[in-house]
Amino acid sequence: MQFYDHLPQDHRLGRVYRYGGGFMGLLLLVFGVLGLADQLAFFTTHGEHVLGLTSNGTLSVISIVAAAVLVTGAVIGGNIASTVNFAMGALFVLSGAVNLALLDTQANFLAFRFQNVMFSFVVGVMLVTFGAYGRVSGGLPHDNPYWRARHPEAAEAESAGSAEIEPAAPARTPAGHGAR
């Protein structure tokens, strides 16, 4: 089942995906462009400070590429933006974990410091949240396209108005009157 077919392009969830990913993309773009404007050395393990984080030429280029992916997803919108946000968020969290292990080693070719790791974790969690918003929950409303895609029979019955959406809850007996 493809969720891409079930979310109308003008659905209100699309704004969350677009604005969240677009904002994070613009933030990364500014960071990357400022790093390249400072003509930072590529592959140095020490890096220079840019907007309170350390960076080198390689991290600046990677930031610009990540920004381009996020902004492109935001421009396309819909489920594409949601999927891009979720995937990029997972990559940021993974990057934070890997670079945490590489701190103060010669393998730290992106010049990460602890504040970079925390930034990567925070941006990753925010992007995953933007991407998952409205897609995963135990209590999605019945007009949510993801609920409708997961429950096609109930959604069709609801649309037709001929059947009950949820199975009836078992009858509860008043306190003290139930079977023992």
C-alpha atoms as a PDB file:
ATOM      1  CA  MET A   1       0.000   0.000   0.000  1.00  0.00           C
ATOM      2  CA  GLN A   2       1.408   3.391  -0.982  1.00  0.00           C
ATOM      3  CA  PHE A   3       0.565   6.287   1.324  1.00  0.00           C
ATOM      4  CA  TYR A   4       1.491   8.714  -1.451  1.00  0.00           C
ATOM      5  CA  ASP A   5      -1.860   8.102  -3.093  1.00  0.00           C
ATOM      6  CA  HIS A   6      -3.929   8.835   0.001  1.00  0.00           C
ATOM      7  CA  LEU A   7      -2.875  12.326   1.100  1.00  0.00           C
ATOM      8  CA  PRO A   8      -4.334  15.173  -0.908  1.00  0.00           C
ATOM      9  CA  GLN A   9      -1.772  17.825  -1.810  1.00  0.00           C
ATOM     10  CA  ASP A  10      -3.708  20.537   0.034  1.00  0.00           C
ATOM     11  CA  HIS A  11      -4.129  18.593   3.301  1.00  0.00           C
ATOM     12  CA  ARG A  12      -3.214  20.575   6.421  1.00  0.00           C
ATOM     13  CA  LEU A  13      -0.536  18.052   7.403  1.00  0.00           C
ATOM     14  CA  GLY A  14       1.447  19.111   4.343  1.00  0.00           C
ATOM     15  CA  ARG A  15       2.111  22.491   5.918  1.00  0.00           C
ATOM     16  CA  VAL A  16       3.815  20.859   8.924  1.00  0.00           C
ATOM     17  CA  TYR A  17       6.027  18.780   6.631  1.00  0.00           C
ATOM     18  CA  ARG A  18       6.851  21.709   4.385  1.00  0.00           C
ATOM     19  CA  TYR A  19       7.502  24.403   6.970  1.00  0.00           C
ATOM     20  CA  GLY A  20       9.440  22.137   9.324  1.00  0.00           C
ATOM     21  CA  GLY A  21      11.723  20.696   6.669  1.00  0.00           C
ATOM     22  CA  GLY A  22      12.072  24.005   4.858  1.00  0.00           C
ATOM     23  CA  PHE A  23      13.077  25.849   8.023  1.00  0.00           C
ATOM     24  CA  MET A  24      15.673  23.227   8.940  1.00  0.00           C
ATOM     25  CA  GLY A  25      16.949  23.284   5.355  1.00  0.00           C
ATOM     26  CA  LEU A  26      17.386  27.052   5.404  1.00  0.00           C
ATOM     27  CA  LEU A  27      19.198  26.858   8.738  1.00  0.00           C
ATOM     28  CA  LEU A  28      21.623  24.274   7.344  1.00  0.00           C
ATOM     29  CA  LEU A  29      22.063  26.299   4.167  1.00  0.00           C
ATOM     30  CA  VAL A  30      23.117  29.383   6.129  1.00  0.00           C
ATOM     31  CA  PHE A  31      25.552  27.302   8.202  1.00  0.00           C
ATOM     32  CA  GLY A  32      27.063  25.681   5.107  1.00  0.00           C
ATOM     33  CA  VAL A  33      27.367  28.893   3.098  1.00  0.00           C
ATOM     34  CA  LEU A  34      29.000  30.738   5.997  1.00  0.00           C
ATOM     35  CA  GLY A  35      31.452  27.866   6.398  1.00  0.00           C
ATOM     36  CA  LEU A  36      32.393  27.967   2.713  1.00  0.00           C
ATOM     37  CA  ALA A  37      32.588  31.767   2.771  1.00  0.00           C
ATOM     38  CA  ASP A  38      35.225  31.494   5.505  1.00  0.00           C
ATOM     39  CA  GLN A  39      37.248  29.264   3.129  1.00  0.00           C
ATOM     40  CA  LEU A  40      37.621  26.554   5.720  1.00  0.00           C
ATOM     41  CA  ALA A  41      40.072  23.738   5.061  1.00  0.00           C
ATOM     42  CA  PHE A  42      38.582  20.423   3.965  1.00  0.00           C
ATOM     43  CA  PHE A  43      39.087  17.320   6.140  1.00  0.00           C
ATOM     44  CA  THR A  44      40.732  19.114   9.054  1.00  0.00           C
ATOM     45  CA  THR A  45      39.862  17.553  12.408  1.00  0.00           C
ATOM     46  CA  HIS A  46      39.994  20.863  14.289  1.00  0.00           C
ATOM     47  CA  GLY A  47      37.679  23.126  12.288  1.00  0.00           C
ATOM     48  CA  GLU A  48      36.701  26.736  12.840  1.00  0.00           C
ATOM     49  CA  HIS A  49      33.703  28.202  14.624  1.00  0.00           C
ATOM     50  CA  VAL A  50      30.665  29.049  12.499  1.00  0.00           C
ATOM     51  CA  LEU A  51      27.459  30.117  14.276  1.00  0.00           C
ATOM     52  CA  GLY A  52      28.642  28.538  17.535  1.00  0.00           C
ATOM     53  CA  LEU A  53      29.476  25.173  15.952  1.00  0.00           C
ATOM     54  CA  THR A  54      32.751  23.914  14.556  1.00  0.00           C
ATOM     55  CA  SER A  55      32.968  23.267  10.856  1.00  0.00           C
ATOM     56  CA  ASN A  56      35.354  22.541   8.039  1.00  0.00           C
ATOM     57  CA  GLY A  57      34.907  22.634   4.261  1.00  0.00           C
ATOM     58  CA  THR A  58      33.590  19.083   4.113  1.00  0.00           C
ATOM     59  CA  LEU A  59      30.922  19.666   6.759  1.00  0.00           C
ATOM     60  CA  SER A  60      29.929  22.894   4.997  1.00  0.00           C
ATOM     61  CA  VAL A  61      29.389  21.075   1.700  1.00  0.00           C
ATOM     62  CA  ILE A  62      27.479  18.249   3.412  1.00  0.00           C
ATOM     63  CA  SER A  63      25.288  20.856   5.153  1.00  0.00           C
ATOM     64  CA  ILE A  64      24.495  22.533   1.823  1.00  0.00           C
ATOM     65  CA  VAL A  65      23.611  19.184   0.221  1.00  0.00           C
ATOM     66  CA  ALA A  66      21.374  18.265   3.192  1.00  0.00           C
ATOM     67  CA  ALA A  67      19.755  21.706   2.960  1.00  0.00           C
ATOM     68  CA  ALA A  68      19.092  21.187  -0.751  1.00  0.00           C
ATOM     69  CA  VAL A  69      17.418  17.833  -0.050  1.00  0.00           C
ATOM     70  CA  LEU A  70      15.226  19.305   2.715  1.00  0.00           C
ATOM     71  CA  VAL A  71      14.249  22.398   0.723  1.00  0.00           C
ATOM     72  CA  THR A  72      13.481  20.269  -2.339  1.00  0.00           C
ATOM     73  CA  GLY A  73      11.250  18.055  -0.199  1.00  0.00           C
ATOM     74  CA  ALA A  74       9.545  21.147   1.190  1.00  0.00           C
ATOM     75  CA  VAL A  75       8.943  22.535  -2.302  1.00  0.00           C
ATOM     76  CA  ILE A  76       7.462  19.231  -3.503  1.00  0.00           C
ATOM     77  CA  GLY A  77       5.397  18.932  -0.327  1.00  0.00           C
ATOM     78  CA  GLY A  78       2.894  16.260   0.648  1.00  0.00           C
ATOM     79  CA  ASN A  79       4.068  12.793   1.532  1.00  0.00           C
ATOM     80  CA  ILE A  80       7.382  13.359  -0.210  1.00  0.00           C
ATOM     81  CA  ALA A  81       8.199  16.118   2.291  1.00  0.00           C
ATOM     82  CA  SER A  82       7.144  13.881   5.165  1.00  0.00           C
ATOM     83  CA  THR A  83       9.309  11.012   3.976  1.00  0.00           C
ATOM     84  CA  VAL A  84      12.296  13.279   3.287  1.00  0.00           C
ATOM     85  CA  ASN A  85      11.998  14.840   6.761  1.00  0.00           C
ATOM     86  CA  PHE A  86      11.780  11.446   8.435  1.00  0.00           C
ATOM     87  CA  ALA A  87      14.729   9.983   6.502  1.00  0.00           C
ATOM     88  CA  MET A  88      16.933  13.048   6.952  1.00  0.00           C
ATOM     89  CA  GLY A  89      16.083  13.140  10.659  1.00  0.00           C
ATOM     90  CA  ALA A  90      17.155   9.528  11.039  1.00  0.00           C
ATOM     91  CA  LEU A  91      20.417  10.334   9.224  1.00  0.00           C
ATOM     92  CA  PHE A  92      21.066  13.276  11.536  1.00  0.00           C
ATOM     93  CA  VAL A  93      20.538  11.135  14.632  1.00  0.00           C
ATOM     94  CA  LEU A  94      22.810   8.453  13.175  1.00  0.00           C
ATOM     95  CA  SER A  95      25.417  11.096  12.326  1.00  0.00           C
ATOM     96  CA  GLY A  96      25.292  12.418  15.872  1.00  0.00           C
ATOM     97  CA  ALA A  97      25.861   8.939  17.293  1.00  0.00           C
ATOM     98  CA  VAL A  98      28.734   8.123  14.926  1.00  0.00           C
ATOM     99  CA  ASN A  99      30.419  11.481  15.416  1.00  0.00           C
ATOM    100  CA  LEU A 100      30.039  11.187  19.176  1.00  0.00           C
ATOM    101  CA  ALA A 101      32.140   8.034  18.974  1.00  0.00           C
ATOM    102  CA  LEU A 102      34.696   9.809  16.766  1.00  0.00           C
ATOM    103  CA  LEU A 103      35.219  12.890  18.958  1.00  0.00           C
ATOM    104  CA  ASP A 104      38.892  13.633  19.670  1.00  0.00           C
ATOM    105  CA  THR A 105      40.150  11.037  17.201  1.00  0.00           C
ATOM    106  CA  GLN A 106      41.939  11.363  13.864  1.00  0.00           C
ATOM    107  CA  ALA A 107      38.830   9.889  12.202  1.00  0.00           C
ATOM    108  CA  ASN A 108      36.823  13.033  13.078  1.00  0.00           C
ATOM    109  CA  PHE A 109      37.127  14.378   9.526  1.00  0.00           C
ATOM    110  CA  LEU A 110      34.007  16.564   9.904  1.00  0.00           C
ATOM    111  CA  ALA A 111      35.560  18.509  12.817  1.00  0.00           C
ATOM    112  CA  PHE A 112      32.660  17.696  15.152  1.00  0.00           C
ATOM    113  CA  ARG A 113      32.728  18.822  18.742  1.00  0.00           C
ATOM    114  CA  PHE A 114      30.175  18.034  21.427  1.00  0.00           C
ATOM    115  CA  GLN A 115      27.963  21.005  20.486  1.00  0.00           C
ATOM    116  CA  ASN A 116      27.831  19.678  16.903  1.00  0.00           C
ATOM    117  CA  VAL A 117      26.742  16.279  18.197  1.00  0.00           C
ATOM    118  CA  MET A 118      23.967  17.868  20.268  1.00  0.00           C
ATOM    119  CA  PHE A 119      22.892  19.994  17.299  1.00  0.00           C
ATOM    120  CA  SER A 120      22.762  16.870  15.130  1.00  0.00           C
ATOM    121  CA  PHE A 121      20.621  15.044  17.697  1.00  0.00           C
ATOM    122  CA  VAL A 122      18.226  17.979  18.162  1.00  0.00           C
ATOM    123  CA  VAL A 123      17.804  18.618  14.427  1.00  0.00           C
ATOM    124  CA  GLY A 124      17.395  14.884  13.835  1.00  0.00           C
ATOM    125  CA  VAL A 125      14.669  14.511  16.436  1.00  0.00           C
ATOM    126  CA  MET A 126      12.882  17.613  15.138  1.00  0.00           C
ATOM    127  CA  LEU A 127      12.988  16.354  11.543  1.00  0.00           C
ATOM    128  CA  VAL A 128      11.733  12.907  12.567  1.00  0.00           C
ATOM    129  CA  THR A 129       8.915  14.622  14.472  1.00  0.00           C
ATOM    130  CA  PHE A 130       8.022  16.754  11.442  1.00  0.00           C
ATOM    131  CA  GLY A 131       8.113  13.681   9.212  1.00  0.00           C
ATOM    132  CA  ALA A 132       6.085  11.461  11.525  1.00  0.00           C
ATOM    133  CA  TYR A 133       3.530  14.115  12.482  1.00  0.00           C
ATOM    134  CA  GLY A 134       0.087  12.856  11.572  1.00  0.00           C
ATOM    135  CA  ARG A 135       1.408   9.508  10.347  1.00  0.00           C
ATOM    136  CA  VAL A 136       1.975   7.589  13.543  1.00  0.00           C
ATOM    137  CA  SER A 137      -0.318   7.651  16.509  1.00  0.00           C
ATOM    138  CA  GLY A 138      -2.689   5.363  18.278  1.00  0.00           C
ATOM    139  CA  GLY A 139      -5.431   7.964  18.101  1.00  0.00           C
ATOM    140  CA  LEU A 140      -5.435   9.329  14.571  1.00  0.00           C
ATOM    141  CA  PRO A 141      -8.729  11.031  13.728  1.00  0.00           C
ATOM    142  CA  HIS A 142     -10.859   9.275  11.159  1.00  0.00           C
ATOM    143  CA  ASP A 143     -10.459  12.060   8.606  1.00  0.00           C
ATOM    144  CA  ASN A 144      -6.673  11.535   8.660  1.00  0.00           C
ATOM    145  CA  PRO A 145      -5.570  10.040   5.329  1.00  0.00           C
ATOM    146  CA  TYR A 146      -3.181   7.657   7.074  1.00  0.00           C
ATOM    147  CA  TRP A 147      -5.953   6.265   9.278  1.00  0.00           C
ATOM    148  CA  ARG A 148      -8.121   5.854   6.199  1.00  0.00           C
ATOM    149  CA  ALA A 149      -5.319   4.049   4.355  1.00  0.00           C
ATOM    150  CA  ARG A 150      -4.778   1.656   7.264  1.00  0.00           C
ATOM    151  CA  HIS A 151      -8.503   0.970   7.740  1.00  0.00           C
ATOM    152  CA  PRO A 152      -9.969   0.982   4.222  1.00  0.00           C
ATOM    153  CA  GLU A 153     -13.077  -1.049   5.069  1.00  0.00           C
ATOM    154  CA  ALA A 154     -13.988   1.150   8.027  1.00  0.00           C
ATOM    155  CA  ALA A 155     -13.214   4.298   6.035  1.00  0.00           C
ATOM    156  CA  GLU A 156     -15.448   3.146   3.203  1.00  0.00           C
ATOM    157  CA  ALA A 157     -18.206   2.262   5.634  1.00  0.00           C
ATOM    158  CA  GLU A 158     -17.839   5.651   7.307  1.00  0.00           C
ATOM    159  CA  SER A 159     -18.052   7.382   3.953  1.00  0.00           C
ATOM    160  CA  ALA A 160     -21.161   5.397   3.085  1.00  0.00           C
ATOM    161  CA  GLY A 161     -22.575   5.974   6.572  1.00  0.00           C
ATOM    162  CA  SER A 162     -23.777   2.385   6.716  1.00  0.00           C
ATOM    163  CA  ALA A 163     -21.619   0.830   9.407  1.00  0.00           C
ATOM    164  CA  GLU A 164     -20.074   1.554  12.742  1.00  0.00           C
ATOM    165  CA  ILE A 165     -16.429   2.669  12.556  1.00  0.00           C
ATOM    166  CA  GLU A 166     -15.055   1.072  15.688  1.00  0.00           C
ATOM    167  CA  PRO A 167     -16.224  -2.181  17.220  1.00  0.00           C
ATOM    168  CA  ALA A 168     -18.422  -1.580  20.216  1.00  0.00           C
ATOM    169  CA  ALA A 169     -16.619  -1.621  23.530  1.00  0.00           C
ATOM    170  CA  PRO A 170     -17.611  -4.452  25.852  1.00  0.00           C
ATOM    171  CA  ALA A 171     -20.352  -3.483  28.235  1.00  0.00           C
ATOM    172  CA  ARG A 172     -19.076  -2.504  31.633  1.00  0.00           C
ATOM    173  CA  THR A 173     -20.944  -3.376  34.721  1.00  0.00           C
ATOM    174  CA  PRO A 174     -21.238  -0.929  37.596  1.00  0.00           C
ATOM    175  CA  ALA A 175     -18.731  -1.403  40.377  1.00  0.00           C
ATOM    176  CA  GLY A 176     -19.627  -4.302  42.632  1.00  0.00           C
ATOM    177  CA  HIS A 177     -22.146  -5.857  40.199  1.00  0.00           C
ATOM    178  CA  GLY A 178     -19.812  -7.739  37.863  1.00  0.00           C
ATOM    179  CA  ALA A 179     -19.215 -11.456  37.648  1.00  0.00           C
ATOM    180  CA  ARG A 180     -16.590 -12.803  40.019  1.00  0.00           C
END
